[in-house]
Amino acid sequence: MLKVLSSQKTMIRWCLSEVMARYDITGVQLAKKMGITDTAVSRMKKRKSMPALGSDRLAKLCDALNDLIRESDQKVTVTPADLIFYSYDKDKKSA
């Protein structure tokens, strides 16, 4: 289970690094599967907040993760919902 510090202001957190660790996927593997550079994956992985990804790029990321997971004979499916963590702050005042 992911924990969010109470002092953290961000309500949506990017979880690519956790998903990759959970399924033993390396940046090199993901980069090769997506056809992008290792540096691009590293940048995506290090983000704390969700990067601006179009639907095509997000679908390509999920497809690549799922292909790599299935190559290791695991029967799970990663969805966009697995890549983000949302925390509702009931005390936050609306603008």
PDB file of N, CA and C in Angstrom:
ATOM      1  N   MET A   1       0.841  -1.188   0.000  1.00  0.00           N
ATOM      2  CA  MET A   1       0.000   0.000   0.000  1.00  0.00           C
ATOM      3  C   MET A   1       0.878   1.240   0.000  1.00  0.00           C
ATOM      4  N   LEU A   2       0.549   2.196  -0.821  1.00  0.00           N
ATOM      5  CA  LEU A   2       1.316   3.426  -0.906  1.00  0.00           C
ATOM      6  C   LEU A   2       0.875   4.392   0.180  1.00  0.00           C
ATOM      7  N   LYS A   3       1.827   5.094   0.770  1.00  0.00           N
ATOM      8  CA  LYS A   3       1.519   6.078   1.792  1.00  0.00           C
ATOM      9  C   LYS A   3       1.842   7.465   1.265  1.00  0.00           C
ATOM     10  N   VAL A   4       1.009   8.416   1.597  1.00  0.00           N
ATOM     11  CA  VAL A   4       1.246   9.806   1.230  1.00  0.00           C
ATOM     12  C   VAL A   4       1.441  10.573   2.526  1.00  0.00           C
ATOM     13  N   LEU A   5       2.515  11.328   2.603  1.00  0.00           N
ATOM     14  CA  LEU A   5       2.770  12.123   3.795  1.00  0.00           C
ATOM     15  C   LEU A   5       1.687  13.171   3.961  1.00  0.00           C
ATOM     16  N   SER A   6       1.273  13.424   5.201  1.00  0.00           N
ATOM     17  CA  SER A   6       0.190  14.376   5.443  1.00  0.00           C
ATOM     18  C   SER A   6       0.558  15.797   5.030  1.00  0.00           C
ATOM     19  N   SER A   7       1.852  16.107   5.008  1.00  0.00           N
ATOM     20  CA  SER A   7       2.275  17.451   4.618  1.00  0.00           C
ATOM     21  C   SER A   7       2.358  17.605   3.100  1.00  0.00           C
ATOM     22  N   GLN A   8       2.205  16.523   2.385  1.00  0.00           N
ATOM     23  CA  GLN A   8       2.305  16.572   0.930  1.00  0.00           C
ATOM     24  C   GLN A   8       1.084  17.273   0.354  1.00  0.00           C
ATOM     25  N   LYS A   9       1.301  18.272  -0.502  1.00  0.00           N
ATOM     26  CA  LYS A   9       0.217  19.051  -1.094  1.00  0.00           C
ATOM     27  C   LYS A   9      -0.355  18.389  -2.343  1.00  0.00           C
ATOM     28  N   THR A  10       0.450  17.602  -3.039  1.00  0.00           N
ATOM     29  CA  THR A  10       0.021  16.981  -4.278  1.00  0.00           C
ATOM     30  C   THR A  10      -1.034  15.927  -4.005  1.00  0.00           C
ATOM     31  N   MET A  11      -2.140  16.025  -4.717  1.00  0.00           N
ATOM     32  CA  MET A  11      -3.211  15.065  -4.529  1.00  0.00           C
ATOM     33  C   MET A  11      -3.106  13.889  -5.498  1.00  0.00           C
ATOM     34  N   ILE A  12      -2.367  14.059  -6.579  1.00  0.00           N
ATOM     35  CA  ILE A  12      -2.163  12.974  -7.526  1.00  0.00           C
ATOM     36  C   ILE A  12      -0.664  12.714  -7.620  1.00  0.00           C
ATOM     37  N   ARG A  13      -0.279  11.454  -7.403  1.00  0.00           N
ATOM     38  CA  ARG A  13       1.139  11.089  -7.444  1.00  0.00           C
ATOM     39  C   ARG A  13       1.361  10.050  -8.528  1.00  0.00           C
ATOM     40  N   TRP A  14       2.429  10.193  -9.275  1.00  0.00           N
ATOM     41  CA  TRP A  14       2.822   9.308 -10.366  1.00  0.00           C
ATOM     42  C   TRP A  14       3.539   8.100  -9.786  1.00  0.00           C
ATOM     43  N   CYS A  15       3.148   6.894 -10.158  1.00  0.00           N
ATOM     44  CA  CYS A  15       3.650   5.665  -9.540  1.00  0.00           C
ATOM     45  C   CYS A  15       4.369   4.734 -10.510  1.00  0.00           C
ATOM     46  N   LEU A  16       4.906   5.251 -11.596  1.00  0.00           N
ATOM     47  CA  LEU A  16       5.579   4.396 -12.569  1.00  0.00           C
ATOM     48  C   LEU A  16       6.726   3.628 -11.934  1.00  0.00           C
ATOM     49  N   SER A  17       7.538   4.274 -11.115  1.00  0.00           N
ATOM     50  CA  SER A  17       8.683   3.574 -10.524  1.00  0.00           C
ATOM     51  C   SER A  17       8.222   2.416  -9.635  1.00  0.00           C
ATOM     52  N   GLU A  18       7.120   2.597  -8.893  1.00  0.00           N
ATOM     53  CA  GLU A  18       6.602   1.517  -8.049  1.00  0.00           C
ATOM     54  C   GLU A  18       6.098   0.348  -8.888  1.00  0.00           C
ATOM     55  N   VAL A  19       5.393   0.654  -9.983  1.00  0.00           N
ATOM     56  CA  VAL A  19       4.880  -0.401 -10.862  1.00  0.00           C
ATOM     57  C   VAL A  19       6.044  -1.170 -11.489  1.00  0.00           C
ATOM     58  N   MET A  20       7.042  -0.444 -11.952  1.00  0.00           N
ATOM     59  CA  MET A  20       8.198  -1.117 -12.547  1.00  0.00           C
ATOM     60  C   MET A  20       8.904  -2.003 -11.527  1.00  0.00           C
ATOM     61  N   ALA A  21       9.066  -1.528 -10.308  1.00  0.00           N
ATOM     62  CA  ALA A  21       9.721  -2.320  -9.264  1.00  0.00           C
ATOM     63  C   ALA A  21       8.889  -3.559  -8.917  1.00  0.00           C
ATOM     64  N   ARG A  22       7.584  -3.387  -8.819  1.00  0.00           N
ATOM     65  CA  ARG A  22       6.691  -4.502  -8.466  1.00  0.00           C
ATOM     66  C   ARG A  22       6.820  -5.658  -9.450  1.00  0.00           C
ATOM     67  N   TYR A  23       7.012  -5.344 -10.727  1.00  0.00           N
ATOM     68  CA  TYR A  23       7.062  -6.378 -11.762  1.00  0.00           C
ATOM     69  C   TYR A  23       8.464  -6.594 -12.325  1.00  0.00           C
ATOM     70  N   ASP A  24       9.474  -6.075 -11.625  1.00  0.00           N
ATOM     71  CA  ASP A  24      10.884  -6.257 -12.014  1.00  0.00           C
ATOM     72  C   ASP A  24      11.149  -5.841 -13.458  1.00  0.00           C
ATOM     73  N   ILE A  25      10.674  -4.666 -13.822  1.00  0.00           N
ATOM     74  CA  ILE A  25      10.886  -4.135 -15.165  1.00  0.00           C
ATOM     75  C   ILE A  25      11.960  -3.058 -15.082  1.00  0.00           C
ATOM     76  N   THR A  26      12.963  -3.170 -15.928  1.00  0.00           N
ATOM     77  CA  THR A  26      14.036  -2.175 -15.936  1.00  0.00           C
ATOM     78  C   THR A  26      13.712  -1.051 -16.912  1.00  0.00           C
ATOM     79  N   GLY A  27      14.388   0.061 -16.713  1.00  0.00           N
ATOM     80  CA  GLY A  27      14.228   1.190 -17.620  1.00  0.00           C
ATOM     81  C   GLY A  27      14.658   0.847 -19.034  1.00  0.00           C
ATOM     82  N   VAL A  28      15.705   0.066 -19.150  1.00  0.00           N
ATOM     83  CA  VAL A  28      16.205  -0.352 -20.474  1.00  0.00           C
ATOM     84  C   VAL A  28      15.152  -1.193 -21.189  1.00  0.00           C
ATOM     85  N   GLN A  29      14.545  -2.135 -20.470  1.00  0.00           N
ATOM     86  CA  GLN A  29      13.500  -2.980 -21.074  1.00  0.00           C
ATOM     87  C   GLN A  29      12.319  -2.138 -21.548  1.00  0.00           C
ATOM     88  N   LEU A  30      11.879  -1.222 -20.692  1.00  0.00           N
ATOM     89  CA  LEU A  30      10.722  -0.399 -21.038  1.00  0.00           C
ATOM     90  C   LEU A  30      11.038   0.530 -22.207  1.00  0.00           C
ATOM     91  N   ALA A  31      12.220   1.109 -22.199  1.00  0.00           N
ATOM     92  CA  ALA A  31      12.626   1.993 -23.297  1.00  0.00           C
ATOM     93  C   ALA A  31      12.636   1.243 -24.628  1.00  0.00           C
ATOM     94  N   LYS A  32      13.207   0.057 -24.616  1.00  0.00           N
ATOM     95  CA  LYS A  32      13.279  -0.744 -25.846  1.00  0.00           C
ATOM     96  C   LYS A  32      11.876  -1.106 -26.335  1.00  0.00           C
ATOM     97  N   LYS A  33      11.014  -1.505 -25.409  1.00  0.00           N
ATOM     98  CA  LYS A  33       9.657  -1.912 -25.779  1.00  0.00           C
ATOM     99  C   LYS A  33       8.842  -0.731 -26.321  1.00  0.00           C
ATOM    100  N   MET A  34       9.084   0.471 -25.776  1.00  0.00           N
ATOM    101  CA  MET A  34       8.344   1.659 -26.223  1.00  0.00           C
ATOM    102  C   MET A  34       9.003   2.345 -27.412  1.00  0.00           C
ATOM    103  N   GLY A  35      10.251   2.013 -27.698  1.00  0.00           N
ATOM    104  CA  GLY A  35      10.948   2.671 -28.791  1.00  0.00           C
ATOM    105  C   GLY A  35      11.388   4.083 -28.446  1.00  0.00           C
ATOM    106  N   ILE A  36      11.726   4.289 -27.156  1.00  0.00           N
ATOM    107  CA  ILE A  36      12.211   5.595 -26.705  1.00  0.00           C
ATOM    108  C   ILE A  36      13.563   5.405 -26.020  1.00  0.00           C
ATOM    109  N   THR A  37      14.197   6.490 -25.627  1.00  0.00           N
ATOM    110  CA  THR A  37      15.515   6.389 -25.007  1.00  0.00           C
ATOM    111  C   THR A  37      15.410   6.016 -23.532  1.00  0.00           C
ATOM    112  N   ASP A  38      16.499   5.468 -23.005  1.00  0.00           N
ATOM    113  CA  ASP A  38      16.577   5.155 -21.576  1.00  0.00           C
ATOM    114  C   ASP A  38      16.393   6.424 -20.748  1.00  0.00           C
ATOM    115  N   THR A  39      16.925   7.532 -21.242  1.00  0.00           N
ATOM    116  CA  THR A  39      16.818   8.805 -20.538  1.00  0.00           C
ATOM    117  C   THR A  39      15.360   9.245 -20.416  1.00  0.00           C
ATOM    118  N   ALA A  40      14.589   9.052 -21.476  1.00  0.00           N
ATOM    119  CA  ALA A  40      13.170   9.419 -21.447  1.00  0.00           C
ATOM    120  C   ALA A  40      12.423   8.598 -20.396  1.00  0.00           C
ATOM    121  N   VAL A  41      12.728   7.317 -20.316  1.00  0.00           N
ATOM    122  CA  VAL A  41      12.099   6.465 -19.302  1.00  0.00           C
ATOM    123  C   VAL A  41      12.538   6.898 -17.911  1.00  0.00           C
ATOM    124  N   SER A  42      13.819   7.192 -17.758  1.00  0.00           N
ATOM    125  CA  SER A  42      14.333   7.627 -16.460  1.00  0.00           C
ATOM    126  C   SER A  42      13.623   8.890 -15.988  1.00  0.00           C
ATOM    127  N   ARG A  43      13.426   9.829 -16.890  1.00  0.00           N
ATOM    128  CA  ARG A  43      12.723  11.069 -16.537  1.00  0.00           C
ATOM    129  C   ARG A  43      11.268  10.795 -16.140  1.00  0.00           C
ATOM    130  N   MET A  44      10.611   9.926 -16.896  1.00  0.00           N
ATOM    131  CA  MET A  44       9.225   9.581 -16.580  1.00  0.00           C
ATOM    132  C   MET A  44       9.139   8.888 -15.226  1.00  0.00           C
ATOM    133  N   LYS A  45      10.093   8.021 -14.981  1.00  0.00           N
ATOM    134  CA  LYS A  45      10.112   7.225 -13.759  1.00  0.00           C
ATOM    135  C   LYS A  45      10.362   8.079 -12.517  1.00  0.00           C
ATOM    136  N   LYS A  46      11.203   9.105 -12.638  1.00  0.00           N
ATOM    137  CA  LYS A  46      11.577   9.941 -11.497  1.00  0.00           C
ATOM    138  C   LYS A  46      10.519  10.966 -11.114  1.00  0.00           C
ATOM    139  N   ARG A  47       9.551  11.191 -11.968  1.00  0.00           N
ATOM    140  CA  ARG A  47       8.512  12.191 -11.689  1.00  0.00           C
ATOM    141  C   ARG A  47       7.729  11.805 -10.451  1.00  0.00           C
ATOM    142  N   LYS A  48       7.384  12.798  -9.654  1.00  0.00           N
ATOM    143  CA  LYS A  48       6.519  12.575  -8.488  1.00  0.00           C
ATOM    144  C   LYS A  48       5.068  12.869  -8.847  1.00  0.00           C
ATOM    145  N   SER A  49       4.870  13.837  -9.752  1.00  0.00           N
ATOM    146  CA  SER A  49       3.523  14.138 -10.202  1.00  0.00           C
ATOM    147  C   SER A  49       3.340  13.571 -11.602  1.00  0.00           C
ATOM    148  N   MET A  50       2.123  13.343 -11.977  1.00  0.00           N
ATOM    149  CA  MET A  50       1.841  12.730 -13.270  1.00  0.00           C
ATOM    150  C   MET A  50       2.311  13.636 -14.402  1.00  0.00           C
ATOM    151  N   PRO A  51       3.116  13.085 -15.300  1.00  0.00           N
ATOM    152  CA  PRO A  51       3.556  13.892 -16.444  1.00  0.00           C
ATOM    153  C   PRO A  51       2.400  14.121 -17.410  1.00  0.00           C
ATOM    154  N   ALA A  52       2.532  15.131 -18.225  1.00  0.00           N
ATOM    155  CA  ALA A  52       1.512  15.404 -19.246  1.00  0.00           C
ATOM    156  C   ALA A  52       1.677  14.369 -20.360  1.00  0.00           C
ATOM    157  N   LEU A  53       0.806  13.396 -20.360  1.00  0.00           N
ATOM    158  CA  LEU A  53       0.845  12.336 -21.363  1.00  0.00           C
ATOM    159  C   LEU A  53      -0.463  12.344 -22.130  1.00  0.00           C
ATOM    160  N   GLY A  54      -0.368  12.297 -23.436  1.00  0.00           N
ATOM    161  CA  GLY A  54      -1.571  12.150 -24.244  1.00  0.00           C
ATOM    162  C   GLY A  54      -2.086  10.723 -24.133  1.00  0.00           C
ATOM    163  N   SER A  55      -3.292  10.507 -24.582  1.00  0.00           N
ATOM    164  CA  SER A  55      -3.888   9.171 -24.473  1.00  0.00           C
ATOM    165  C   SER A  55      -3.096   8.127 -25.260  1.00  0.00           C
ATOM    166  N   ASP A  56      -2.536   8.502 -26.405  1.00  0.00           N
ATOM    167  CA  ASP A  56      -1.743   7.547 -27.188  1.00  0.00           C
ATOM    168  C   ASP A  56      -0.488   7.139 -26.434  1.00  0.00           C
ATOM    169  N   ARG A  57       0.200   8.108 -25.839  1.00  0.00           N
ATOM    170  CA  ARG A  57       1.440   7.824 -25.101  1.00  0.00           C
ATOM    171  C   ARG A  57       1.147   6.986 -23.850  1.00  0.00           C
ATOM    172  N   LEU A  58       0.063   7.294 -23.158  1.00  0.00           N
ATOM    173  CA  LEU A  58      -0.318   6.537 -21.971  1.00  0.00           C
ATOM    174  C   LEU A  58      -0.687   5.103 -22.347  1.00  0.00           C
ATOM    175  N   ALA A  59      -1.408   4.935 -23.442  1.00  0.00           N
ATOM    176  CA  ALA A  59      -1.763   3.593 -23.924  1.00  0.00           C
ATOM    177  C   ALA A  59      -0.506   2.821 -24.308  1.00  0.00           C
ATOM    178  N   LYS A  60       0.429   3.490 -24.972  1.00  0.00           N
ATOM    179  CA  LYS A  60       1.687   2.841 -25.368  1.00  0.00           C
ATOM    180  C   LYS A  60       2.487   2.409 -24.135  1.00  0.00           C
ATOM    181  N   LEU A  61       2.492   3.247 -23.093  1.00  0.00           N
ATOM    182  CA  LEU A  61       3.187   2.911 -21.855  1.00  0.00           C
ATOM    183  C   LEU A  61       2.549   1.678 -21.201  1.00  0.00           C
ATOM    184  N   CYS A  62       1.225   1.666 -21.093  1.00  0.00           N
ATOM    185  CA  CYS A  62       0.538   0.509 -20.501  1.00  0.00           C
ATOM    186  C   CYS A  62       0.747  -0.749 -21.339  1.00  0.00           C
ATOM    187  N   ASP A  63       0.674  -0.616 -22.661  1.00  0.00           N
ATOM    188  CA  ASP A  63       0.912  -1.772 -23.541  1.00  0.00           C
ATOM    189  C   ASP A  63       2.301  -2.341 -23.329  1.00  0.00           C
ATOM    190  N   ALA A  64       3.296  -1.469 -23.265  1.00  0.00           N
ATOM    191  CA  ALA A  64       4.680  -1.923 -23.081  1.00  0.00           C
ATOM    192  C   ALA A  64       4.846  -2.607 -21.729  1.00  0.00           C
ATOM    193  N   LEU A  65       4.300  -2.014 -20.670  1.00  0.00           N
ATOM    194  CA  LEU A  65       4.382  -2.630 -19.343  1.00  0.00           C
ATOM    195  C   LEU A  65       3.709  -3.999 -19.350  1.00  0.00           C
ATOM    196  N   ASN A  66       2.531  -4.092 -19.950  1.00  0.00           N
ATOM    197  CA  ASN A  66       1.813  -5.366 -19.989  1.00  0.00           C
ATOM    198  C   ASN A  66       2.531  -6.419 -20.818  1.00  0.00           C
ATOM    199  N   ASP A  67       3.139  -6.022 -21.926  1.00  0.00           N
ATOM    200  CA  ASP A  67       3.930  -6.965 -22.725  1.00  0.00           C
ATOM    201  C   ASP A  67       5.084  -7.528 -21.896  1.00  0.00           C
ATOM    202  N   LEU A  68       5.784  -6.640 -21.183  1.00  0.00           N
ATOM    203  CA  LEU A  68       6.920  -7.082 -20.372  1.00  0.00           C
ATOM    204  C   LEU A  68       6.473  -7.967 -19.209  1.00  0.00           C
ATOM    205  N   ILE A  69       5.345  -7.652 -18.610  1.00  0.00           N
ATOM    206  CA  ILE A  69       4.814  -8.473 -17.515  1.00  0.00           C
ATOM    207  C   ILE A  69       4.454  -9.863 -18.037  1.00  0.00           C
ATOM    208  N   ARG A  70       3.813  -9.924 -19.173  1.00  0.00           N
ATOM    209  CA  ARG A  70       3.416 -11.225 -19.739  1.00  0.00           C
ATOM    210  C   ARG A  70       4.620 -12.051 -20.177  1.00  0.00           C
ATOM    211  N   GLU A  71       5.689 -11.385 -20.597  1.00  0.00           N
ATOM    212  CA  GLU A  71       6.915 -12.103 -20.950  1.00  0.00           C
ATOM    213  C   GLU A  71       7.497 -12.832 -19.744  1.00  0.00           C
ATOM    214  N   SER A  72       7.191 -12.363 -18.547  1.00  0.00           N
ATOM    215  CA  SER A  72       7.672 -13.029 -17.331  1.00  0.00           C
ATOM    216  C   SER A  72       6.606 -13.971 -16.762  1.00  0.00           C
ATOM    217  N   ASP A  73       5.626 -14.336 -17.597  1.00  0.00           N
ATOM    218  CA  ASP A  73       4.576 -15.304 -17.257  1.00  0.00           C
ATOM    219  C   ASP A  73       3.685 -14.885 -16.092  1.00  0.00           C
ATOM    220  N   GLN A  74       3.537 -13.598 -15.865  1.00  0.00           N
ATOM    221  CA  GLN A  74       2.596 -13.119 -14.864  1.00  0.00           C
ATOM    222  C   GLN A  74       1.289 -12.770 -15.562  1.00  0.00           C
ATOM    223  N   LYS A  75       0.199 -13.002 -14.874  1.00  0.00           N
ATOM    224  CA  LYS A  75      -1.118 -12.784 -15.474  1.00  0.00           C
ATOM    225  C   LYS A  75      -1.829 -11.607 -14.811  1.00  0.00           C
ATOM    226  N   VAL A  76      -1.236 -10.438 -14.937  1.00  0.00           N
ATOM    227  CA  VAL A  76      -1.853  -9.210 -14.432  1.00  0.00           C
ATOM    228  C   VAL A  76      -1.894  -8.199 -15.566  1.00  0.00           C
ATOM    229  N   THR A  77      -2.731  -7.204 -15.417  1.00  0.00           N
ATOM    230  CA  THR A  77      -2.831  -6.149 -16.413  1.00  0.00           C
ATOM    231  C   THR A  77      -2.671  -4.807 -15.715  1.00  0.00           C
ATOM    232  N   VAL A  78      -1.736  -4.017 -16.203  1.00  0.00           N
ATOM    233  CA  VAL A  78      -1.519  -2.666 -15.686  1.00  0.00           C
ATOM    234  C   VAL A  78      -2.414  -1.718 -16.474  1.00  0.00           C
ATOM    235  N   THR A  79      -3.132  -0.873 -15.743  1.00  0.00           N
ATOM    236  CA  THR A  79      -4.001   0.127 -16.362  1.00  0.00           C
ATOM    237  C   THR A  79      -3.506   1.512 -15.945  1.00  0.00           C
ATOM    238  N   PRO A  80      -3.997   2.571 -16.577  1.00  0.00           N
ATOM    239  CA  PRO A  80      -3.615   3.918 -16.135  1.00  0.00           C
ATOM    240  C   PRO A  80      -3.882   4.151 -14.646  1.00  0.00           C
ATOM    241  N   ALA A  81      -4.914   3.528 -14.116  1.00  0.00           N
ATOM    242  CA  ALA A  81      -5.233   3.684 -12.694  1.00  0.00           C
ATOM    243  C   ALA A  81      -4.118   3.151 -11.790  1.00  0.00           C
ATOM    244  N   ASP A  82      -3.353   2.179 -12.275  1.00  0.00           N
ATOM    245  CA  ASP A  82      -2.232   1.641 -11.499  1.00  0.00           C
ATOM    246  C   ASP A  82      -1.053   2.606 -11.468  1.00  0.00           C
ATOM    247  N   LEU A  83      -1.026   3.535 -12.396  1.00  0.00           N
ATOM    248  CA  LEU A  83       0.104   4.447 -12.522  1.00  0.00           C
ATOM    249  C   LEU A  83      -0.069   5.747 -11.745  1.00  0.00           C
ATOM    250  N   ILE A  84      -1.253   5.949 -11.186  1.00  0.00           N
ATOM    251  CA  ILE A  84      -1.468   7.161 -10.389  1.00  0.00           C
ATOM    252  C   ILE A  84      -2.039   6.794  -9.027  1.00  0.00           C
ATOM    253  N   PHE A  85      -1.747   7.623  -8.054  1.00  0.00           N
ATOM    254  CA  PHE A  85      -2.316   7.486  -6.717  1.00  0.00           C
ATOM    255  C   PHE A  85      -2.994   8.799  -6.387  1.00  0.00           C
ATOM    256  N   TYR A  86      -4.254   8.727  -6.025  1.00  0.00           N
ATOM    257  CA  TYR A  86      -5.029   9.923  -5.711  1.00  0.00           C
ATOM    258  C   TYR A  86      -5.333   9.945  -4.228  1.00  0.00           C
ATOM    259  N   SER A  87      -5.095  11.085  -3.610  1.00  0.00           N
ATOM    260  CA  SER A  87      -5.386  11.261  -2.188  1.00  0.00           C
ATOM    261  C   SER A  87      -6.328  12.448  -2.027  1.00  0.00           C
ATOM    262  N   TYR A  88      -7.477  12.204  -1.453  1.00  0.00           N
ATOM    263  CA  TYR A  88      -8.468  13.244  -1.243  1.00  0.00           C
ATOM    264  C   TYR A  88      -8.160  13.981   0.056  1.00  0.00           C
ATOM    265  N   ASP A  89      -7.998  15.284  -0.025  1.00  0.00           N
ATOM    266  CA  ASP A  89      -7.715  16.106   1.147  1.00  0.00           C
ATOM    267  C   ASP A  89      -9.007  16.825   1.524  1.00  0.00           C
ATOM    268  N   LYS A  90      -9.741  16.262   2.475  1.00  0.00           N
ATOM    269  CA  LYS A  90     -11.044  16.834   2.846  1.00  0.00           C
ATOM    270  C   LYS A  90     -10.924  18.206   3.492  1.00  0.00           C
ATOM    271  N   ASP A  91      -9.730  18.529   4.000  1.00  0.00           N
ATOM    272  CA  ASP A  91      -9.529  19.820   4.663  1.00  0.00           C
ATOM    273  C   ASP A  91      -9.076  20.926   3.708  1.00  0.00           C
ATOM    274  N   LYS A  92      -8.780  20.587   2.474  1.00  0.00           N
ATOM    275  CA  LYS A  92      -8.313  21.571   1.498  1.00  0.00           C
ATOM    276  C   LYS A  92      -9.476  22.478   1.097  1.00  0.00           C
ATOM    277  N   LYS A  93      -9.246  23.758   1.150  1.00  0.00           N
ATOM    278  CA  LYS A  93     -10.281  24.726   0.775  1.00  0.00           C
ATOM    279  C   LYS A  93     -10.278  24.885  -0.747  1.00  0.00           C
ATOM    280  N   SER A  94     -11.443  24.934  -1.340  1.00  0.00           N
ATOM    281  CA  SER A  94     -11.516  25.122  -2.786  1.00  0.00           C
ATOM    282  C   SER A  94     -11.227  26.574  -3.142  1.00  0.00           C
ATOM    283  N   ALA A  95     -10.740  26.746  -4.353  1.00  0.00           N
ATOM    284  CA  ALA A  95     -10.333  28.092  -4.813  1.00  0.00           C
ATOM    285  C   ALA A  95     -11.492  28.974  -5.122  1.00  0.00           C
TER     286      ALA A  95
END
